[in-house]
Amino acid sequence: MLNKVSEIVVTAGLLIGSIVFWTIADRFPASTRYAMVDSDLWPKIIFGALILLTAAHLILKLVELRRSYTEEARDGIDPGYAIRLGLTCGMVLFYYFTIQILGFTISTMIFLWVVPFILPQGSIKLKLLFSPIFTLTVGMAFSWGLGMSLPRGTGIFYSFSEMLF
């Protein structure tokens, strides 16, 4: 039962955070280079999709919790589940606080390498290959395809990001 409630709390937190970040995107500076594709377009697309998905997931979890009241409730919580949930939440906070310091490339690669290893499923080869392929693809799409800069970091991390994109 506690597993279901903790999933609802995390999902509700993601939903609230997505709504907050959607409203923050309205305050981004206007782009002089692109008339219709302003700097708030991509964050709003991403957070809009995240709002829809987390709202749907939250509804499903609430329905599932309501059904579980009719069944016998399990006592306790699986310690592995609680640890994985806590580590994943910690990695999301790590990513949020380090993207401006380390830059998009390094923060995203670290996040996408660590989080899959927290989860018990999946092949090691896929876990190792996904992070650099995804990060470089997104980085190239934004910098070369759209001409928009992602956070580059500070100091040596800025130099590394400049070298890549």
C-alpha atoms as a PDB file:
ATOM      1  CA  MET A   1       0.000   0.000   0.000  1.00  0.00           C
ATOM      2  CA  LEU A   2       2.823   2.387   0.864  1.00  0.00           C
ATOM      3  CA  ASN A   3       4.407   1.669  -2.540  1.00  0.00           C
ATOM      4  CA  LYS A   4       1.259   2.920  -4.272  1.00  0.00           C
ATOM      5  CA  VAL A   5       0.984   6.017  -2.110  1.00  0.00           C
ATOM      6  CA  SER A   6       4.658   6.902  -2.658  1.00  0.00           C
ATOM      7  CA  GLU A   7       4.196   6.585  -6.432  1.00  0.00           C
ATOM      8  CA  ILE A   8       1.214   8.926  -6.237  1.00  0.00           C
ATOM      9  CA  VAL A   9       3.225  11.461  -4.213  1.00  0.00           C
ATOM     10  CA  VAL A  10       6.157  11.395  -6.658  1.00  0.00           C
ATOM     11  CA  THR A  11       3.841  11.614  -9.682  1.00  0.00           C
ATOM     12  CA  ALA A  12       1.921  14.520  -8.134  1.00  0.00           C
ATOM     13  CA  GLY A  13       5.246  16.247  -7.424  1.00  0.00           C
ATOM     14  CA  LEU A  14       6.300  15.799 -11.050  1.00  0.00           C
ATOM     15  CA  LEU A  15       2.958  17.172 -12.217  1.00  0.00           C
ATOM     16  CA  ILE A  16       3.217  20.240  -9.991  1.00  0.00           C
ATOM     17  CA  GLY A  17       6.856  20.797 -10.987  1.00  0.00           C
ATOM     18  CA  SER A  18       5.981  20.534 -14.673  1.00  0.00           C
ATOM     19  CA  ILE A  19       3.227  23.116 -14.294  1.00  0.00           C
ATOM     20  CA  VAL A  20       5.614  25.453 -12.456  1.00  0.00           C
ATOM     21  CA  PHE A  21       8.300  25.073 -15.126  1.00  0.00           C
ATOM     22  CA  TRP A  22       5.678  25.638 -17.857  1.00  0.00           C
ATOM     23  CA  THR A  23       4.862  29.011 -16.295  1.00  0.00           C
ATOM     24  CA  ILE A  24       8.562  29.865 -15.895  1.00  0.00           C
ATOM     25  CA  ALA A  25       9.048  29.329 -19.648  1.00  0.00           C
ATOM     26  CA  ASP A  26       6.789  32.353 -20.260  1.00  0.00           C
ATOM     27  CA  ARG A  27       9.508  34.552 -18.765  1.00  0.00           C
ATOM     28  CA  PHE A  28      12.264  33.378 -21.152  1.00  0.00           C
ATOM     29  CA  PRO A  29      13.720  36.148 -23.315  1.00  0.00           C
ATOM     30  CA  ALA A  30      12.264  36.510 -26.802  1.00  0.00           C
ATOM     31  CA  SER A  31      14.369  35.252 -29.686  1.00  0.00           C
ATOM     32  CA  THR A  32      15.311  37.786 -32.334  1.00  0.00           C
ATOM     33  CA  ARG A  33      16.482  35.096 -34.724  1.00  0.00           C
ATOM     34  CA  TYR A  34      13.254  33.096 -34.895  1.00  0.00           C
ATOM     35  CA  ALA A  35       9.904  34.835 -35.166  1.00  0.00           C
ATOM     36  CA  MET A  36       7.509  31.939 -34.465  1.00  0.00           C
ATOM     37  CA  VAL A  37       9.900  29.560 -32.714  1.00  0.00           C
ATOM     38  CA  ASP A  38      10.723  31.466 -29.574  1.00  0.00           C
ATOM     39  CA  SER A  39      12.961  30.324 -26.716  1.00  0.00           C
ATOM     40  CA  ASP A  40       9.964  29.109 -24.739  1.00  0.00           C
ATOM     41  CA  LEU A  41       8.664  26.745 -27.452  1.00  0.00           C
ATOM     42  CA  TRP A  42      10.745  23.652 -26.686  1.00  0.00           C
ATOM     43  CA  PRO A  43      10.402  23.849 -22.899  1.00  0.00           C
ATOM     44  CA  LYS A  44       6.655  24.286 -23.305  1.00  0.00           C
ATOM     45  CA  ILE A  45       6.443  21.305 -25.653  1.00  0.00           C
ATOM     46  CA  ILE A  46       8.439  19.141 -23.248  1.00  0.00           C
ATOM     47  CA  PHE A  47       6.621  20.267 -20.104  1.00  0.00           C
ATOM     48  CA  GLY A  48       3.243  20.187 -21.852  1.00  0.00           C
ATOM     49  CA  ALA A  49       3.824  16.553 -22.784  1.00  0.00           C
ATOM     50  CA  LEU A  50       5.092  15.850 -19.275  1.00  0.00           C
ATOM     51  CA  ILE A  51       1.969  17.475 -17.780  1.00  0.00           C
ATOM     52  CA  LEU A  52      -0.302  15.306 -19.926  1.00  0.00           C
ATOM     53  CA  LEU A  53       1.610  12.106 -19.220  1.00  0.00           C
ATOM     54  CA  THR A  54       1.961  12.638 -15.478  1.00  0.00           C
ATOM     55  CA  ALA A  55      -1.696  13.660 -15.174  1.00  0.00           C
ATOM     56  CA  ALA A  56      -2.752  10.471 -16.982  1.00  0.00           C
ATOM     57  CA  HIS A  57      -0.361   8.401 -14.848  1.00  0.00           C
ATOM     58  CA  LEU A  58      -1.638  10.065 -11.671  1.00  0.00           C
ATOM     59  CA  ILE A  59      -5.236   9.260 -12.603  1.00  0.00           C
ATOM     60  CA  LEU A  60      -4.313   5.618 -13.269  1.00  0.00           C
ATOM     61  CA  LYS A  61      -2.474   5.354  -9.949  1.00  0.00           C
ATOM     62  CA  LEU A  62      -5.388   6.912  -8.059  1.00  0.00           C
ATOM     63  CA  VAL A  63      -7.805   4.427  -9.662  1.00  0.00           C
ATOM     64  CA  GLU A  64      -5.416   1.586  -8.793  1.00  0.00           C
ATOM     65  CA  LEU A  65      -5.167   2.811  -5.184  1.00  0.00           C
ATOM     66  CA  ARG A  66      -8.938   2.987  -4.918  1.00  0.00           C
ATOM     67  CA  ARG A  67      -9.222  -0.617  -6.145  1.00  0.00           C
ATOM     68  CA  SER A  68      -6.592  -1.768  -3.681  1.00  0.00           C
ATOM     69  CA  TYR A  69      -8.712  -0.586  -0.748  1.00  0.00           C
ATOM     70  CA  THR A  70     -11.110  -3.408  -1.528  1.00  0.00           C
ATOM     71  CA  GLU A  71      -8.272  -5.941  -1.509  1.00  0.00           C
ATOM     72  CA  GLU A  72      -6.093  -6.935   1.398  1.00  0.00           C
ATOM     73  CA  ALA A  73      -3.385  -4.333   2.014  1.00  0.00           C
ATOM     74  CA  ARG A  74       0.238  -5.455   2.167  1.00  0.00           C
ATOM     75  CA  ASP A  75       2.219  -4.615   5.286  1.00  0.00           C
ATOM     76  CA  GLY A  76       5.470  -2.727   4.930  1.00  0.00           C
ATOM     77  CA  ILE A  77       7.392  -1.543   1.915  1.00  0.00           C
ATOM     78  CA  ASP A  78      10.002  -3.338  -0.143  1.00  0.00           C
ATOM     79  CA  PRO A  79      13.311  -1.783   0.994  1.00  0.00           C
ATOM     80  CA  GLY A  80      14.791  -2.131  -2.511  1.00  0.00           C
ATOM     81  CA  TYR A  81      11.898  -0.171  -3.982  1.00  0.00           C
ATOM     82  CA  ALA A  82      12.257   2.627  -1.440  1.00  0.00           C
ATOM     83  CA  ILE A  83      16.012   2.851  -2.025  1.00  0.00           C
ATOM     84  CA  ARG A  84      15.592   2.941  -5.827  1.00  0.00           C
ATOM     85  CA  LEU A  85      12.893   5.615  -5.529  1.00  0.00           C
ATOM     86  CA  GLY A  86      15.078   7.733  -3.244  1.00  0.00           C
ATOM     87  CA  LEU A  87      18.141   7.384  -5.466  1.00  0.00           C
ATOM     88  CA  THR A  88      16.151   8.298  -8.565  1.00  0.00           C
ATOM     89  CA  CYS A  89      14.719  11.387  -6.852  1.00  0.00           C
ATOM     90  CA  GLY A  90      18.244  12.301  -5.773  1.00  0.00           C
ATOM     91  CA  MET A  91      19.492  11.981  -9.348  1.00  0.00           C
ATOM     92  CA  VAL A  92      16.709  14.263 -10.613  1.00  0.00           C
ATOM     93  CA  LEU A  93      17.780  16.874  -8.043  1.00  0.00           C
ATOM     94  CA  PHE A  94      21.440  16.340  -9.015  1.00  0.00           C
ATOM     95  CA  TYR A  95      20.551  16.970 -12.664  1.00  0.00           C
ATOM     96  CA  TYR A  96      18.522  20.078 -11.836  1.00  0.00           C
ATOM     97  CA  PHE A  97      21.265  21.669  -9.732  1.00  0.00           C
ATOM     98  CA  THR A  98      24.263  20.718 -11.909  1.00  0.00           C
ATOM     99  CA  ILE A  99      23.059  21.447 -15.444  1.00  0.00           C
ATOM    100  CA  GLN A 100      24.149  25.104 -15.209  1.00  0.00           C
ATOM    101  CA  ILE A 101      27.523  24.205 -13.664  1.00  0.00           C
ATOM    102  CA  LEU A 102      28.459  21.082 -15.631  1.00  0.00           C
ATOM    103  CA  GLY A 103      26.467  21.906 -18.746  1.00  0.00           C
ATOM    104  CA  PHE A 104      23.864  19.896 -20.631  1.00  0.00           C
ATOM    105  CA  THR A 105      26.280  17.356 -22.097  1.00  0.00           C
ATOM    106  CA  ILE A 106      28.007  16.216 -18.923  1.00  0.00           C
ATOM    107  CA  SER A 107      24.955  16.449 -16.634  1.00  0.00           C
ATOM    108  CA  THR A 108      22.759  14.525 -19.050  1.00  0.00           C
ATOM    109  CA  MET A 109      25.366  11.814 -19.657  1.00  0.00           C
ATOM    110  CA  ILE A 110      25.918  11.311 -15.928  1.00  0.00           C
ATOM    111  CA  PHE A 111      22.167  11.245 -15.271  1.00  0.00           C
ATOM    112  CA  LEU A 112      21.480   8.793 -18.098  1.00  0.00           C
ATOM    113  CA  TRP A 113      24.340   6.525 -17.054  1.00  0.00           C
ATOM    114  CA  VAL A 114      23.467   6.376 -13.354  1.00  0.00           C
ATOM    115  CA  VAL A 115      19.647   6.152 -13.400  1.00  0.00           C
ATOM    116  CA  PRO A 116      19.406   2.995 -15.564  1.00  0.00           C
ATOM    117  CA  PHE A 117      21.788   1.211 -13.190  1.00  0.00           C
ATOM    118  CA  ILE A 118      19.480   2.070 -10.287  1.00  0.00           C
ATOM    119  CA  LEU A 119      16.722   0.119 -12.016  1.00  0.00           C
ATOM    120  CA  PRO A 120      17.036  -3.672 -11.967  1.00  0.00           C
ATOM    121  CA  GLN A 121      15.850  -4.288 -15.559  1.00  0.00           C
ATOM    122  CA  GLY A 122      17.655  -3.915 -18.884  1.00  0.00           C
ATOM    123  CA  SER A 123      20.874  -5.013 -20.476  1.00  0.00           C
ATOM    124  CA  ILE A 124      24.188  -3.484 -19.442  1.00  0.00           C
ATOM    125  CA  LYS A 125      25.171  -2.858 -23.064  1.00  0.00           C
ATOM    126  CA  LEU A 126      22.030  -0.796 -23.690  1.00  0.00           C
ATOM    127  CA  LYS A 127      22.499   1.099 -20.422  1.00  0.00           C
ATOM    128  CA  LEU A 128      26.050   2.053 -21.417  1.00  0.00           C
ATOM    129  CA  LEU A 129      25.290   3.014 -25.032  1.00  0.00           C
ATOM    130  CA  PHE A 130      22.053   4.954 -24.567  1.00  0.00           C
ATOM    131  CA  SER A 131      23.512   7.884 -22.613  1.00  0.00           C
ATOM    132  CA  PRO A 132      26.159   9.107 -25.087  1.00  0.00           C
ATOM    133  CA  ILE A 133      24.006   8.417 -28.151  1.00  0.00           C
ATOM    134  CA  PHE A 134      20.978  10.255 -26.744  1.00  0.00           C
ATOM    135  CA  THR A 135      22.994  13.165 -25.337  1.00  0.00           C
ATOM    136  CA  LEU A 136      24.972  13.790 -28.507  1.00  0.00           C
ATOM    137  CA  THR A 137      21.880  13.426 -30.712  1.00  0.00           C
ATOM    138  CA  VAL A 138      19.901  15.976 -28.702  1.00  0.00           C
ATOM    139  CA  GLY A 139      22.916  18.289 -28.462  1.00  0.00           C
ATOM    140  CA  MET A 140      23.483  18.195 -32.225  1.00  0.00           C
ATOM    141  CA  ALA A 141      19.777  18.668 -32.956  1.00  0.00           C
ATOM    142  CA  PHE A 142      19.651  21.828 -30.872  1.00  0.00           C
ATOM    143  CA  SER A 143      23.028  23.352 -31.728  1.00  0.00           C
ATOM    144  CA  TRP A 144      23.396  22.435 -35.392  1.00  0.00           C
ATOM    145  CA  GLY A 145      19.812  21.814 -36.441  1.00  0.00           C
ATOM    146  CA  LEU A 146      18.083  24.654 -34.602  1.00  0.00           C
ATOM    147  CA  GLY A 147      21.018  26.934 -33.854  1.00  0.00           C
ATOM    148  CA  MET A 148      19.961  27.100 -30.194  1.00  0.00           C
ATOM    149  CA  SER A 149      22.427  26.785 -27.365  1.00  0.00           C
ATOM    150  CA  LEU A 150      21.925  24.340 -24.506  1.00  0.00           C
ATOM    151  CA  PRO A 151      23.461  25.079 -21.082  1.00  0.00           C
ATOM    152  CA  ARG A 152      27.232  24.843 -21.530  1.00  0.00           C
ATOM    153  CA  GLY A 153      28.415  24.917 -17.924  1.00  0.00           C
ATOM    154  CA  THR A 154      31.204  26.973 -16.402  1.00  0.00           C
ATOM    155  CA  GLY A 155      34.991  26.825 -16.493  1.00  0.00           C
ATOM    156  CA  ILE A 156      36.485  23.671 -17.956  1.00  0.00           C
ATOM    157  CA  PHE A 157      32.989  22.272 -18.575  1.00  0.00           C
ATOM    158  CA  TYR A 158      32.232  25.268 -20.800  1.00  0.00           C
ATOM    159  CA  SER A 159      35.374  24.574 -22.819  1.00  0.00           C
ATOM    160  CA  PHE A 160      34.381  20.914 -23.183  1.00  0.00           C
ATOM    161  CA  SER A 161      30.881  21.864 -24.370  1.00  0.00           C
ATOM    162  CA  GLU A 162      32.311  24.383 -26.845  1.00  0.00           C
ATOM    163  CA  MET A 163      34.584  21.672 -28.212  1.00  0.00           C
ATOM    164  CA  LEU A 164      31.623  19.341 -28.806  1.00  0.00           C
ATOM    165  CA  PHE A 165      29.064  21.824 -30.150  1.00  0.00           C
END
